[in-house]
Amino acid sequence: MSIEIRFVGGPADGRTYAIPDDAPPPLYLIPLAPSPGELFASSLEPSPIQKAEYEPLWQDGWLRRADDGAYLYQHRAAPPTPEERETLEQARREARAADERRDAETDEAWREIRKERPGFPADWRDLF
């Protein structure tokens, strides 16, 4: 007897597999094909095989199933590396600084408008 599992998200999104098991596994690993750059690299040592991890979706203490009865497995993304984490933090800092600059420019423009039209609210944020 086999059971069907369907993958949600990640590289195998939407694929359904029948596996010869009595119970669904707690974690399913799918090997990923290497990128073309890795295939044509001049390295003598092969790179390690990358795997996508999928874990079962749970609903009310039961494994979640699709309408056709297949067990649903959610892609579990790898945690970000320290370099990726630093890049994300840098992007957040830049976005925050851009928002602060934009707000300062808007505040300055609003002060100019208030000089010409004193009946307007004291702060442009009061318009919303």
N, C-alpha and C. Protein backbone atom coordinates (compact mmCIF):
# COMPACT_ATOMS: atom_id res chain seq x y z
N MET A 1 0.84 -1.17 0.00
CA MET A 1 0.00 0.00 0.00
C MET A 1 0.89 1.24 0.00
N SER A 2 0.47 2.25 -0.71
CA SER A 2 1.25 3.49 -0.75
C SER A 2 0.36 4.66 -0.36
N ILE A 3 1.01 5.72 0.08
CA ILE A 3 0.30 6.95 0.41
C ILE A 3 0.82 8.05 -0.48
N GLU A 4 0.00 9.06 -0.70
CA GLU A 4 0.40 10.19 -1.54
C GLU A 4 0.68 11.39 -0.66
N ILE A 5 1.75 12.10 -1.02
CA ILE A 5 2.06 13.36 -0.35
C ILE A 5 2.21 14.43 -1.41
N ARG A 6 1.73 15.64 -1.10
CA ARG A 6 1.81 16.78 -2.02
C ARG A 6 2.61 17.88 -1.34
N PHE A 7 3.53 18.48 -2.11
CA PHE A 7 4.42 19.51 -1.58
C PHE A 7 3.87 20.90 -1.86
N VAL A 8 3.97 21.75 -0.84
CA VAL A 8 3.48 23.13 -0.92
C VAL A 8 4.66 24.05 -0.72
N GLY A 9 4.91 24.94 -1.69
CA GLY A 9 6.01 25.88 -1.61
C GLY A 9 7.33 25.25 -2.01
N GLY A 10 8.33 26.10 -2.17
CA GLY A 10 9.67 25.62 -2.48
C GLY A 10 9.81 25.09 -3.90
N PRO A 11 10.89 24.35 -4.16
CA PRO A 11 11.18 23.90 -5.52
C PRO A 11 10.23 22.81 -6.03
N ALA A 12 9.57 22.08 -5.15
CA ALA A 12 8.68 20.99 -5.59
C ALA A 12 7.22 21.37 -5.44
N ASP A 13 6.90 22.65 -5.47
CA ASP A 13 5.54 23.12 -5.23
C ASP A 13 4.54 22.47 -6.18
N GLY A 14 3.50 21.88 -5.61
CA GLY A 14 2.43 21.28 -6.40
C GLY A 14 2.66 19.84 -6.82
N ARG A 15 3.84 19.32 -6.65
CA ARG A 15 4.12 17.93 -7.05
C ARG A 15 3.52 16.96 -6.04
N THR A 16 3.03 15.85 -6.55
CA THR A 16 2.46 14.80 -5.72
C THR A 16 3.24 13.52 -5.97
N TYR A 17 3.62 12.84 -4.89
CA TYR A 17 4.36 11.60 -4.98
C TYR A 17 3.63 10.52 -4.20
N ALA A 18 3.67 9.31 -4.72
CA ALA A 18 3.18 8.14 -3.99
C ALA A 18 4.40 7.47 -3.39
N ILE A 19 4.39 7.29 -2.08
CA ILE A 19 5.53 6.66 -1.42
C ILE A 19 5.08 5.34 -0.80
N PRO A 20 5.91 4.33 -0.89
CA PRO A 20 5.52 3.01 -0.36
C PRO A 20 5.73 2.95 1.15
N ASP A 21 4.78 3.49 1.89
CA ASP A 21 4.88 3.53 3.34
C ASP A 21 3.51 3.36 3.95
N ASP A 22 3.50 2.93 5.19
CA ASP A 22 2.23 2.83 5.91
C ASP A 22 1.86 4.14 6.59
N ALA A 23 2.87 4.94 6.95
CA ALA A 23 2.62 6.21 7.63
C ALA A 23 3.46 7.30 6.97
N PRO A 24 2.95 8.54 6.93
CA PRO A 24 3.72 9.62 6.32
C PRO A 24 4.97 9.93 7.15
N PRO A 25 6.09 10.21 6.52
CA PRO A 25 7.32 10.51 7.26
C PRO A 25 7.26 11.87 7.94
N PRO A 26 7.99 12.06 9.06
CA PRO A 26 7.97 13.34 9.77
C PRO A 26 8.72 14.45 9.02
N LEU A 27 9.61 14.08 8.12
CA LEU A 27 10.37 15.05 7.33
C LEU A 27 10.69 14.39 6.00
N TYR A 28 10.55 15.13 4.91
CA TYR A 28 10.83 14.58 3.59
C TYR A 28 11.88 15.44 2.93
N LEU A 29 12.95 14.83 2.44
CA LEU A 29 14.04 15.55 1.79
C LEU A 29 14.01 15.28 0.29
N ILE A 30 14.11 16.34 -0.50
CA ILE A 30 14.12 16.22 -1.96
C ILE A 30 15.47 16.75 -2.45
N PRO A 31 16.27 15.92 -3.13
CA PRO A 31 17.54 16.42 -3.65
C PRO A 31 17.29 17.44 -4.77
N LEU A 32 18.08 18.50 -4.76
CA LEU A 32 17.96 19.55 -5.77
C LEU A 32 19.06 19.41 -6.81
N ALA A 33 18.70 19.67 -8.05
CA ALA A 33 19.70 19.63 -9.12
C ALA A 33 20.67 20.80 -8.95
N PRO A 34 21.96 20.57 -9.22
CA PRO A 34 22.91 21.67 -9.11
C PRO A 34 22.67 22.72 -10.19
N SER A 35 23.10 23.94 -9.90
CA SER A 35 22.95 25.01 -10.88
C SER A 35 23.92 24.78 -12.04
N PRO A 36 23.66 25.39 -13.20
CA PRO A 36 24.59 25.23 -14.33
C PRO A 36 26.00 25.69 -14.00
N GLY A 37 26.11 26.71 -13.18
CA GLY A 37 27.44 27.18 -12.80
C GLY A 37 28.21 26.12 -12.02
N GLU A 38 27.51 25.41 -11.14
CA GLU A 38 28.16 24.34 -10.39
C GLU A 38 28.52 23.17 -11.28
N LEU A 39 27.68 22.90 -12.29
CA LEU A 39 27.97 21.78 -13.19
C LEU A 39 29.23 22.02 -14.01
N PHE A 40 29.43 23.25 -14.43
CA PHE A 40 30.56 23.55 -15.30
C PHE A 40 31.76 24.13 -14.55
N ALA A 41 31.71 24.10 -13.23
CA ALA A 41 32.84 24.60 -12.45
C ALA A 41 34.04 23.67 -12.64
N SER A 42 35.21 24.24 -12.54
CA SER A 42 36.42 23.45 -12.77
C SER A 42 36.93 22.79 -11.49
N SER A 43 36.11 22.71 -10.47
CA SER A 43 36.51 22.09 -9.22
C SER A 43 36.60 20.58 -9.38
N LEU A 44 37.63 20.00 -8.77
CA LEU A 44 37.79 18.55 -8.83
C LEU A 44 36.85 17.85 -7.86
N GLU A 45 36.53 18.51 -6.77
CA GLU A 45 35.64 17.93 -5.77
C GLU A 45 34.19 18.28 -6.11
N PRO A 46 33.32 17.30 -6.11
CA PRO A 46 31.90 17.61 -6.36
C PRO A 46 31.32 18.38 -5.17
N SER A 47 30.43 19.27 -5.47
CA SER A 47 29.78 20.03 -4.40
C SER A 47 28.76 19.12 -3.71
N PRO A 48 28.50 19.37 -2.44
CA PRO A 48 27.51 18.52 -1.75
C PRO A 48 26.12 18.71 -2.36
N ILE A 49 25.35 17.65 -2.33
CA ILE A 49 24.00 17.69 -2.90
C ILE A 49 23.10 18.50 -1.97
N GLN A 50 22.49 19.53 -2.52
CA GLN A 50 21.56 20.35 -1.76
C GLN A 50 20.22 19.63 -1.68
N LYS A 51 19.54 19.79 -0.55
CA LYS A 51 18.24 19.15 -0.37
C LYS A 51 17.22 20.17 0.11
N ALA A 52 16.01 20.05 -0.39
CA ALA A 52 14.90 20.86 0.09
C ALA A 52 14.17 20.05 1.15
N GLU A 53 13.87 20.68 2.28
CA GLU A 53 13.20 19.99 3.38
C GLU A 53 11.71 20.33 3.38
N TYR A 54 10.90 19.30 3.57
CA TYR A 54 9.45 19.47 3.66
C TYR A 54 8.96 18.79 4.92
N GLU A 55 8.09 19.48 5.66
CA GLU A 55 7.51 18.92 6.87
C GLU A 55 5.99 18.91 6.74
N PRO A 56 5.33 17.97 7.42
CA PRO A 56 3.86 17.88 7.28
C PRO A 56 3.15 19.09 7.85
N LEU A 57 2.06 19.45 7.23
CA LEU A 57 1.18 20.50 7.74
C LEU A 57 0.19 19.86 8.70
N TRP A 58 -0.04 20.52 9.83
CA TRP A 58 -0.94 20.00 10.85
C TRP A 58 -2.15 20.91 10.97
N GLN A 59 -3.29 20.31 11.24
CA GLN A 59 -4.52 21.06 11.46
C GLN A 59 -5.32 20.35 12.54
N ASP A 60 -5.51 21.03 13.66
CA ASP A 60 -6.26 20.48 14.80
C ASP A 60 -5.69 19.15 15.28
N GLY A 61 -4.36 19.03 15.26
CA GLY A 61 -3.71 17.82 15.74
C GLY A 61 -3.65 16.68 14.75
N TRP A 62 -4.15 16.88 13.55
CA TRP A 62 -4.14 15.85 12.51
C TRP A 62 -3.32 16.33 11.33
N LEU A 63 -2.74 15.38 10.61
CA LEU A 63 -2.05 15.74 9.38
C LEU A 63 -3.06 16.29 8.39
N ARG A 64 -2.73 17.41 7.79
CA ARG A 64 -3.65 18.05 6.86
C ARG A 64 -3.61 17.32 5.52
N ARG A 65 -4.79 17.20 4.92
CA ARG A 65 -4.89 16.51 3.63
C ARG A 65 -5.52 17.42 2.60
N ALA A 66 -5.17 17.18 1.35
CA ALA A 66 -5.78 17.88 0.23
C ALA A 66 -7.15 17.24 -0.05
N ASP A 67 -7.90 17.84 -0.95
CA ASP A 67 -9.23 17.32 -1.27
C ASP A 67 -9.18 15.90 -1.82
N ASP A 68 -8.09 15.55 -2.49
CA ASP A 68 -7.98 14.21 -3.06
C ASP A 68 -7.38 13.20 -2.08
N GLY A 69 -7.11 13.60 -0.84
CA GLY A 69 -6.61 12.69 0.18
C GLY A 69 -5.11 12.68 0.36
N ALA A 70 -4.37 13.42 -0.45
CA ALA A 70 -2.91 13.45 -0.32
C ALA A 70 -2.52 14.27 0.92
N TYR A 71 -1.51 13.79 1.63
CA TYR A 71 -0.98 14.54 2.77
C TYR A 71 -0.23 15.76 2.26
N LEU A 72 -0.40 16.89 2.94
CA LEU A 72 0.26 18.13 2.51
C LEU A 72 1.54 18.35 3.31
N TYR A 73 2.62 18.65 2.60
CA TYR A 73 3.91 18.93 3.20
C TYR A 73 4.36 20.33 2.82
N GLN A 74 4.72 21.14 3.83
CA GLN A 74 5.14 22.54 3.64
C GLN A 74 6.66 22.61 3.52
N HIS A 75 7.13 23.46 2.60
CA HIS A 75 8.58 23.66 2.45
C HIS A 75 9.13 24.34 3.69
N ARG A 76 10.21 23.83 4.21
CA ARG A 76 10.87 24.42 5.37
C ARG A 76 12.17 25.05 4.87
N ALA A 77 12.15 26.37 4.80
CA ALA A 77 13.31 27.09 4.29
C ALA A 77 14.46 27.02 5.28
N ALA A 78 15.66 26.99 4.74
CA ALA A 78 16.85 26.98 5.59
C ALA A 78 16.98 28.32 6.28
N PRO A 79 17.48 28.33 7.51
CA PRO A 79 17.67 29.62 8.19
C PRO A 79 18.72 30.45 7.46
N PRO A 80 18.58 31.77 7.50
CA PRO A 80 19.54 32.61 6.77
C PRO A 80 20.94 32.50 7.37
N THR A 81 21.92 32.57 6.50
CA THR A 81 23.31 32.55 6.95
C THR A 81 23.63 33.90 7.59
N PRO A 82 24.71 34.00 8.34
CA PRO A 82 25.07 35.30 8.93
C PRO A 82 25.25 36.40 7.87
N GLU A 83 25.78 36.04 6.71
CA GLU A 83 25.94 37.03 5.64
C GLU A 83 24.58 37.50 5.13
N GLU A 84 23.66 36.56 4.92
CA GLU A 84 22.31 36.93 4.46
C GLU A 84 21.59 37.76 5.51
N ARG A 85 21.77 37.39 6.78
CA ARG A 85 21.14 38.14 7.86
C ARG A 85 21.65 39.58 7.90
N GLU A 86 22.97 39.75 7.71
CA GLU A 86 23.55 41.10 7.70
C GLU A 86 23.05 41.90 6.50
N THR A 87 22.92 41.25 5.35
CA THR A 87 22.40 41.93 4.16
C THR A 87 20.96 42.38 4.39
N LEU A 88 20.14 41.52 4.99
CA LEU A 88 18.76 41.88 5.28
C LEU A 88 18.69 43.04 6.26
N GLU A 89 19.53 43.00 7.29
CA GLU A 89 19.53 44.09 8.27
C GLU A 89 19.98 45.40 7.64
N GLN A 90 20.96 45.34 6.76
CA GLN A 90 21.42 46.54 6.05
C GLN A 90 20.30 47.11 5.19
N ALA A 91 19.56 46.24 4.49
CA ALA A 91 18.44 46.70 3.66
C ALA A 91 17.36 47.34 4.53
N ARG A 92 17.10 46.77 5.71
CA ARG A 92 16.11 47.36 6.62
C ARG A 92 16.56 48.74 7.10
N ARG A 93 17.86 48.86 7.44
CA ARG A 93 18.37 50.16 7.90
C ARG A 93 18.26 51.21 6.79
N GLU A 94 18.59 50.81 5.55
CA GLU A 94 18.49 51.74 4.43
C GLU A 94 17.04 52.16 4.18
N ALA A 95 16.12 51.21 4.26
CA ALA A 95 14.69 51.54 4.07
C ALA A 95 14.20 52.46 5.17
N ARG A 96 14.61 52.21 6.41
CA ARG A 96 14.21 53.06 7.52
C ARG A 96 14.76 54.48 7.34
N ALA A 97 16.04 54.58 6.92
CA ALA A 97 16.64 55.90 6.70
C ALA A 97 15.94 56.63 5.56
N ALA A 98 15.56 55.91 4.49
CA ALA A 98 14.84 56.53 3.38
C ALA A 98 13.48 57.04 3.84
N ASP A 99 12.79 56.27 4.68
CA ASP A 99 11.49 56.72 5.23
C ASP A 99 11.66 57.98 6.07
N GLU A 100 12.70 58.00 6.90
CA GLU A 100 12.94 59.18 7.74
C GLU A 100 13.26 60.41 6.89
N ARG A 101 14.06 60.23 5.82
CA ARG A 101 14.36 61.35 4.92
C ARG A 101 13.09 61.85 4.23
N ARG A 102 12.27 60.91 3.78
CA ARG A 102 11.03 61.27 3.10
C ARG A 102 10.10 62.03 4.05
N ASP A 103 10.00 61.56 5.30
CA ASP A 103 9.16 62.25 6.28
C ASP A 103 9.70 63.64 6.58
N ALA A 104 11.02 63.78 6.68
CA ALA A 104 11.61 65.09 6.95
C ALA A 104 11.33 66.05 5.78
N GLU A 105 11.45 65.55 4.55
CA GLU A 105 11.16 66.38 3.39
C GLU A 105 9.69 66.80 3.37
N THR A 106 8.80 65.87 3.69
CA THR A 106 7.37 66.18 3.73
C THR A 106 7.06 67.19 4.83
N ASP A 107 7.71 67.02 5.99
CA ASP A 107 7.51 67.99 7.08
C ASP A 107 7.94 69.39 6.65
N GLU A 108 9.07 69.47 5.97
CA GLU A 108 9.57 70.78 5.51
C GLU A 108 8.61 71.38 4.49
N ALA A 109 8.15 70.56 3.56
CA ALA A 109 7.20 71.06 2.57
C ALA A 109 5.90 71.51 3.24
N TRP A 110 5.46 70.79 4.26
CA TRP A 110 4.24 71.16 4.96
C TRP A 110 4.40 72.49 5.69
N ARG A 111 5.58 72.73 6.26
CA ARG A 111 5.82 74.01 6.92
C ARG A 111 5.73 75.16 5.92
N GLU A 112 6.22 74.93 4.72
CA GLU A 112 6.13 75.95 3.66
C GLU A 112 4.67 76.20 3.28
N ILE A 113 3.89 75.14 3.17
CA ILE A 113 2.46 75.28 2.83
C ILE A 113 1.74 76.03 3.95
N ARG A 114 2.07 75.74 5.22
CA ARG A 114 1.41 76.40 6.34
C ARG A 114 1.70 77.89 6.38
N LYS A 115 2.88 78.29 5.85
CA LYS A 115 3.20 79.72 5.79
C LYS A 115 2.22 80.42 4.85
N GLU A 116 1.91 79.75 3.73
CA GLU A 116 1.02 80.34 2.74
C GLU A 116 -0.45 80.20 3.14
N ARG A 117 -0.80 79.13 3.82
CA ARG A 117 -2.19 78.85 4.20
C ARG A 117 -2.25 78.50 5.69
N PRO A 118 -2.35 79.47 6.55
CA PRO A 118 -2.32 79.22 8.00
C PRO A 118 -3.51 78.41 8.52
N GLY A 119 -4.57 78.26 7.77
CA GLY A 119 -5.74 77.51 8.24
C GLY A 119 -5.57 76.01 8.15
N PHE A 120 -4.51 75.54 7.53
CA PHE A 120 -4.28 74.10 7.41
C PHE A 120 -3.86 73.52 8.76
N PRO A 121 -4.05 72.20 8.98
CA PRO A 121 -3.63 71.59 10.24
C PRO A 121 -2.14 71.78 10.49
N ALA A 122 -1.76 71.70 11.76
CA ALA A 122 -0.37 71.91 12.12
C ALA A 122 0.55 70.82 11.56
N ASP A 123 0.04 69.62 11.38
CA ASP A 123 0.86 68.53 10.90
C ASP A 123 0.14 67.86 9.72
N TRP A 124 0.87 67.49 8.69
CA TRP A 124 0.26 66.87 7.52
C TRP A 124 -0.35 65.52 7.86
N ARG A 125 0.13 64.88 8.93
CA ARG A 125 -0.41 63.58 9.33
C ARG A 125 -1.84 63.69 9.84
N ASP A 126 -2.24 64.92 10.25
CA ASP A 126 -3.61 65.16 10.73
C ASP A 126 -4.63 65.11 9.60
N LEU A 127 -4.18 65.10 8.35
CA LEU A 127 -5.11 65.03 7.22
C LEU A 127 -5.74 63.65 7.10
N PHE A 128 -5.08 62.64 7.62
CA PHE A 128 -5.56 61.27 7.44
C PHE A 128 -6.45 60.87 8.53
